Every structure is written in C-alpha cells, then in structure tokens.
C-alpha atoms as a PDB file:
ATOM      1  CA  MET A   1      42.200-144.350 -39.557  1.00  0.00           C
ATOM      2  CA  MET A   2      43.770-140.863 -39.293  1.00  0.00           C
ATOM      3  CA  ASN A   3      44.692-138.829 -42.428  1.00  0.00           C
ATOM      4  CA  ILE A   4      48.153-137.240 -42.276  1.00  0.00           C
ATOM      5  CA  THR A   5      50.030-134.947 -44.698  1.00  0.00           C
ATOM      6  CA  VAL A   6      53.080-135.921 -46.648  1.00  0.00           C
ATOM      7  CA  GLN A   7      55.120-133.611 -44.561  1.00  0.00           C
ATOM      8  CA  ASP A   8      53.973-135.246 -41.416  1.00  0.00           C
ATOM      9  CA  SER A   9      54.530-138.700 -42.927  1.00  0.00           C
ATOM     10  CA  SER A  10      58.196-137.608 -43.798  1.00  0.00           C
ATOM     11  CA  SER A  11      58.719-136.201 -40.288  1.00  0.00           C
ATOM     12  CA  TYR A  12      57.333-139.454 -38.724  1.00  0.00           C
ATOM     13  CA  PHE A  13      59.700-141.704 -40.617  1.00  0.00           C
ATOM     14  CA  LYS A  14      62.732-139.419 -40.437  1.00  0.00           C
ATOM     15  CA  GLY A  15      62.078-138.957 -36.702  1.00  0.00           C
ATOM     16  CA  LEU A  16      61.956-142.681 -35.934  1.00  0.00           C
ATOM     17  CA  LEU A  17      65.163-143.058 -37.998  1.00  0.00           C
ATOM     18  CA  ILE A  18      66.879-140.523 -35.760  1.00  0.00           C
ATOM     19  CA  LEU A  19      65.454-142.424 -32.708  1.00  0.00           C
ATOM     20  CA  ILE A  20      66.970-145.677 -33.687  1.00  0.00           C
ATOM     21  CA  ARG A  21      70.413-143.934 -34.336  1.00  0.00           C
ATOM     22  CA  LYS A  22      70.501-142.803 -30.619  1.00  0.00           C
ATOM     23  CA  ASP A  23      71.913-145.995 -29.193  1.00  0.00           C
ATOM     24  CA  ARG A  24      74.478-146.253 -32.155  1.00  0.00           C
ATOM     25  CA  LYS A  25      73.242-149.619 -33.346  1.00  0.00           C
ATOM     26  CA  ILE A  26      70.296-150.952 -35.116  1.00  0.00           C
ATOM     27  CA  SER A  27      68.903-154.175 -33.894  1.00  0.00           C
ATOM     28  CA  LYS A  28      67.021-156.760 -36.162  1.00  0.00           C
ATOM     29  CA  ALA A  29      63.741-155.961 -34.453  1.00  0.00           C
ATOM     30  CA  GLU A  30      64.357-152.094 -34.950  1.00  0.00           C
ATOM     31  CA  TYR A  31      65.062-152.745 -38.674  1.00  0.00           C
ATOM     32  CA  GLU A  32      61.973-154.760 -39.094  1.00  0.00           C
ATOM     33  CA  LEU A  33      59.715-152.118 -37.266  1.00  0.00           C
ATOM     34  CA  MET A  34      61.289-149.352 -39.267  1.00  0.00           C
ATOM     35  CA  PHE A  35      60.690-151.204 -42.493  1.00  0.00           C
ATOM     36  CA  GLN A  36      57.110-151.884 -41.488  1.00  0.00           C
ATOM     37  CA  THR A  37      56.766-148.112 -40.699  1.00  0.00           C
ATOM     38  CA  GLY A  38      58.216-147.012 -43.987  1.00  0.00           C
ATOM     39  CA  THR A  39      56.095-149.281 -45.865  1.00  0.00           C
ATOM     40  CA  ARG A  40      52.849-148.180 -44.109  1.00  0.00           C
ATOM     41  CA  LEU A  41      53.766-144.533 -44.763  1.00  0.00           C
ATOM     42  CA  GLY A  42      54.061-145.307 -48.479  1.00  0.00           C
ATOM     43  CA  PHE A  43      57.764-144.975 -49.006  1.00  0.00           C
ATOM     44  CA  ASP A  44      59.557-147.206 -51.711  1.00  0.00           C
ATOM     45  CA  LYS A  45      61.300-150.336 -50.448  1.00  0.00           C
ATOM     46  CA  ASP A  46      64.654-149.292 -51.766  1.00  0.00           C
ATOM     47  CA  PHE A  47      64.348-145.914 -50.129  1.00  0.00           C
ATOM     48  CA  ILE A  48      63.491-147.499 -46.743  1.00  0.00           C
ATOM     49  CA  GLU A  49      66.346-149.970 -46.944  1.00  0.00           C
ATOM     50  CA  GLU A  50      68.773-147.227 -47.905  1.00  0.00           C
ATOM     51  CA  SER A  51      67.429-144.800 -45.238  1.00  0.00           C
ATOM     52  CA  ILE A  52      67.868-147.369 -42.485  1.00  0.00           C
ATOM     53  CA  GLY A  53      71.218-148.620 -43.743  1.00  0.00           C
ATOM     54  CA  GLU A  54      72.620-145.046 -43.800  1.00  0.00           C
ATOM     55  CA  ILE A  55      71.212-143.513 -40.645  1.00  0.00           C
ATOM     56  CA  LEU A  56      74.141-144.397 -38.447  1.00  0.00           C
ATOM     57  CA  TYR A  57      76.661-142.704 -40.875  1.00  0.00           C
ATOM     58  CA  ASN A  58      74.737-139.871 -42.449  1.00  0.00           C
ATOM     59  CA  MET A  59      76.310-136.668 -40.948  1.00  0.00           C
ATOM     60  CA  HIS A  60      74.034-134.311 -42.866  1.00  0.00           C
ATOM     61  CA  ILE A  61      70.739-135.283 -41.227  1.00  0.00           C
ATOM     62  CA  VAL A  62      69.348-132.663 -38.904  1.00  0.00           C
ATOM     63  CA  LEU A  63      68.879-134.342 -35.446  1.00  0.00           C
ATOM     64  CA  LYS A  64      66.025-132.029 -34.213  1.00  0.00           C
ATOM     65  CA  PRO A  65      62.923-133.584 -32.754  1.00  0.00           C
ATOM     66  CA  PRO A  66      59.984-133.398 -35.177  1.00  0.00           C
ATOM     67  CA  VAL A  67      57.082-131.071 -34.682  1.00  0.00           C
ATOM     68  CA  PHE A  68      53.834-132.377 -35.979  1.00  0.00           C
ATOM     69  CA  SER A  69      50.712-130.720 -37.233  1.00  0.00           C
ATOM     70  CA  THR A  70      48.619-132.119 -34.442  1.00  0.00           C
ATOM     71  CA  ARG A  71      49.191-133.276 -30.760  1.00  0.00           C
ATOM     72  CA  GLU A  72      47.279-136.504 -31.563  1.00  0.00           C
ATOM     73  CA  LEU A  73      49.825-137.408 -34.257  1.00  0.00           C
ATOM     74  CA  ALA A  74      52.704-136.449 -31.938  1.00  0.00           C
ATOM     75  CA  GLU A  75      51.420-138.840 -29.468  1.00  0.00           C
ATOM     76  CA  LYS A  76      51.142-141.551 -31.868  1.00  0.00           C
ATOM     77  CA  PHE A  77      54.709-140.922 -33.032  1.00  0.00           C
ATOM     78  CA  ILE A  78      55.903-141.165 -29.394  1.00  0.00           C
ATOM     79  CA  LYS A  79      53.981-144.354 -28.674  1.00  0.00           C
ATOM     80  CA  ASP A  80      55.572-145.867 -31.840  1.00  0.00           C
ATOM     81  CA  GLY A  81      58.953-144.518 -30.809  1.00  0.00           C
ATOM     82  CA  LEU A  82      58.720-146.176 -27.391  1.00  0.00           C
ATOM     83  CA  ILE A  83      57.826-149.488 -28.895  1.00  0.00           C
ATOM     84  CA  ILE A  84      60.711-149.378 -31.433  1.00  0.00           C
ATOM     85  CA  ALA A  85      63.194-148.184 -28.888  1.00  0.00           C
ATOM     86  CA  ALA A  86      62.195-150.940 -26.492  1.00  0.00           C
ATOM     87  CA  SER A  87      62.315-153.578 -29.288  1.00  0.00           C
ATOM     88  CA  ASP A  88      65.970-154.423 -28.481  1.00  0.00           C
ATOM     89  CA  GLY A  89      65.263-155.046 -24.895  1.00  0.00           C
ATOM     90  CA  GLU A  90      65.691-151.532 -23.344  1.00  0.00           C
ATOM     91  CA  ILE A  91      65.013-147.989 -23.924  1.00  0.00           C
ATOM     92  CA  HIS A  92      68.429-146.262 -23.854  1.00  0.00           C
ATOM     93  CA  ASP A  93      68.899-143.018 -22.020  1.00  0.00           C
ATOM     94  CA  ASP A  94      69.520-141.087 -25.276  1.00  0.00           C
ATOM     95  CA  GLU A  95      66.411-142.561 -26.855  1.00  0.00           C
ATOM     96  CA  GLU A  96      64.261-141.587 -23.873  1.00  0.00           C
ATOM     97  CA  LYS A  97      65.861-138.007 -23.690  1.00  0.00           C
ATOM     98  CA  TRP A  98      65.112-137.524 -27.400  1.00  0.00           C
ATOM     99  CA  LEU A  99      61.577-138.718 -27.171  1.00  0.00           C
ATOM    100  CA  LEU A 100      60.958-136.489 -24.152  1.00  0.00           C
ATOM    101  CA  GLU A 101      62.408-133.436 -26.257  1.00  0.00           C
ATOM    102  CA  THR A 102      59.848-134.565 -29.027  1.00  0.00           C
ATOM    103  CA  ALA A 103      57.116-134.546 -26.481  1.00  0.00           C
ATOM    104  CA  GLU A 104      58.086-131.118 -25.120  1.00  0.00           C
ATOM    105  CA  LYS A 105      58.326-129.649 -28.697  1.00  0.00           C
ATOM    106  CA  ASN A 106      54.709-130.947 -29.297  1.00  0.00           C
ATOM    107  CA  SER A 107      53.264-129.586 -26.039  1.00  0.00           C
ATOM    108  CA  ILE A 108      52.864-133.109 -24.433  1.00  0.00           C
ATOM    109  CA  ASP A 109      53.572-133.307 -20.773  1.00  0.00           C
ATOM    110  CA  LYS A 110      56.093-135.483 -19.149  1.00  0.00           C
ATOM    111  CA  GLU A 111      53.473-137.312 -17.095  1.00  0.00           C
ATOM    112  CA  TRP A 112      51.766-138.619 -20.248  1.00  0.00           C
ATOM    113  CA  PHE A 113      55.058-139.761 -21.566  1.00  0.00           C
ATOM    114  CA  TYR A 114      55.945-141.701 -18.389  1.00  0.00           C
ATOM    115  CA  VAL A 115      52.563-143.389 -18.382  1.00  0.00           C
ATOM    116  CA  GLU A 116      53.096-144.565 -22.006  1.00  0.00           C
ATOM    117  CA  LYS A 117      56.774-145.590 -21.241  1.00  0.00           C
ATOM    118  CA  ARG A 118      55.410-147.815 -18.283  1.00  0.00           C
ATOM    119  CA  LEU A 119      52.817-149.388 -20.604  1.00  0.00           C
ATOM    120  CA  VAL A 120      55.487-150.357 -23.114  1.00  0.00           C
ATOM    121  CA  ALA A 121      57.855-151.649 -20.261  1.00  0.00           C
ATOM    122  CA  ASN A 122      54.965-153.716 -18.827  1.00  0.00           C
ATOM    123  CA  SER A 123      54.214-155.360 -22.129  1.00  0.00           C
ATOM    124  CA  LYS A 124      57.432-157.402 -21.763  1.00  0.00           C
ATOM    125  CA  ASN A 125      58.588-157.026 -25.339  1.00  0.00           C
ATOM    126  CA  GLU A 126      55.189-158.150 -26.700  1.00  0.00           C
ATOM    127  CA  ILE A 127      55.189-155.861 -29.713  1.00  0.00           C
ATOM    128  CA  SER A 128      51.805-154.504 -29.937  1.00  0.00           C
ATOM    129  CA  LYS A 129      50.296-153.058 -33.070  1.00  0.00           C
ATOM    130  CA  LEU A 130      52.047-149.832 -34.170  1.00  0.00           C
ATOM    131  CA  GLU A 131      50.078-146.521 -34.268  1.00  0.00           C
ATOM    132  CA  VAL A 132      51.452-146.129 -37.768  1.00  0.00           C
ATOM    133  CA  ASP A 133      49.098-148.827 -38.932  1.00  0.00           C
ATOM    134  CA  ASN A 134      46.198-146.386 -38.304  1.00  0.00           C
ATOM    135  CA  LEU A 135      47.613-143.631 -40.415  1.00  0.00           C
ATOM    136  CA  LYS A 136      46.759-142.782 -44.011  1.00  0.00           C
ATOM    137  CA  VAL A 137      48.991-140.390 -46.063  1.00  0.00           C
ATOM    138  CA  VAL A 138      46.858-137.982 -48.083  1.00  0.00           C
ATOM    139  CA  TYR A 139      48.536-136.631 -51.163  1.00  0.00           C
END
C-alpha cells in the first residue's frame, strides 16, 4: 500500500477524468472504472457521478497533464490511464498523446510507456486490477 497526499489524490482523479474526455465519449466501462477510482481515492459518490457526468462539457477545467510528487505514483497513474483508455476497445490517439505528455512531465521515458502500453494491449481487454487499489490517501 502506497500513501499519497490529498493533492496527489485530486490530481490522479482529475487527470483520469481529462483522459476519458479525450475521445469525446465515455463508455460504460470507462464510467465504471472511473467510479471505482474515485471511490478508492475517498471521493463522495455524488461528487464522482457529477464529475464524470460533466467532464465532456466543463469548459473551465484546465487540461494540463498532472505532475505527481513521485515518479512511482506517476507510473501507477499512467498504468491505470492505459487500462481505462483501452477499456472501450482501443486507446485513441489523443488519449495516447496525453498520457505520453504526462509521462514526459513526470520524467518517465517513452520506452517505459510503450512497454506498459503493449502489456495492456496484450491483456485483450481483461481488466486487471487497477493501481489505484494499492493507494491510500493520507489526510
């Protein structure tokens, strides 16, 4: 179990919300994974539902890739991002670009990213356990 700050928790959830917005639609699988993520990070059920419901239309949200307090957390975020992005059957170009930008902002090299992307692609939509399940928000 990895302890994370409230700020990192917020960045994780918001970052994944921005990711699911990238292909301009939210699949049932993406919704369910985002709900699971928000719940695991300690967010209120109503807040999670409202956030997912509004992400496609909220023009006030800053779309910058998140920067995390540790590289390890950024790697967990990207792994979860790849799983969520692939949950609708494909990782769209805009989703991949955005995750690559996130990797770059967190000093993660492209080779690591592409290895993780291949692992997700080879899992043939068998959704593995999310990294967020191993995170604990410390208040």
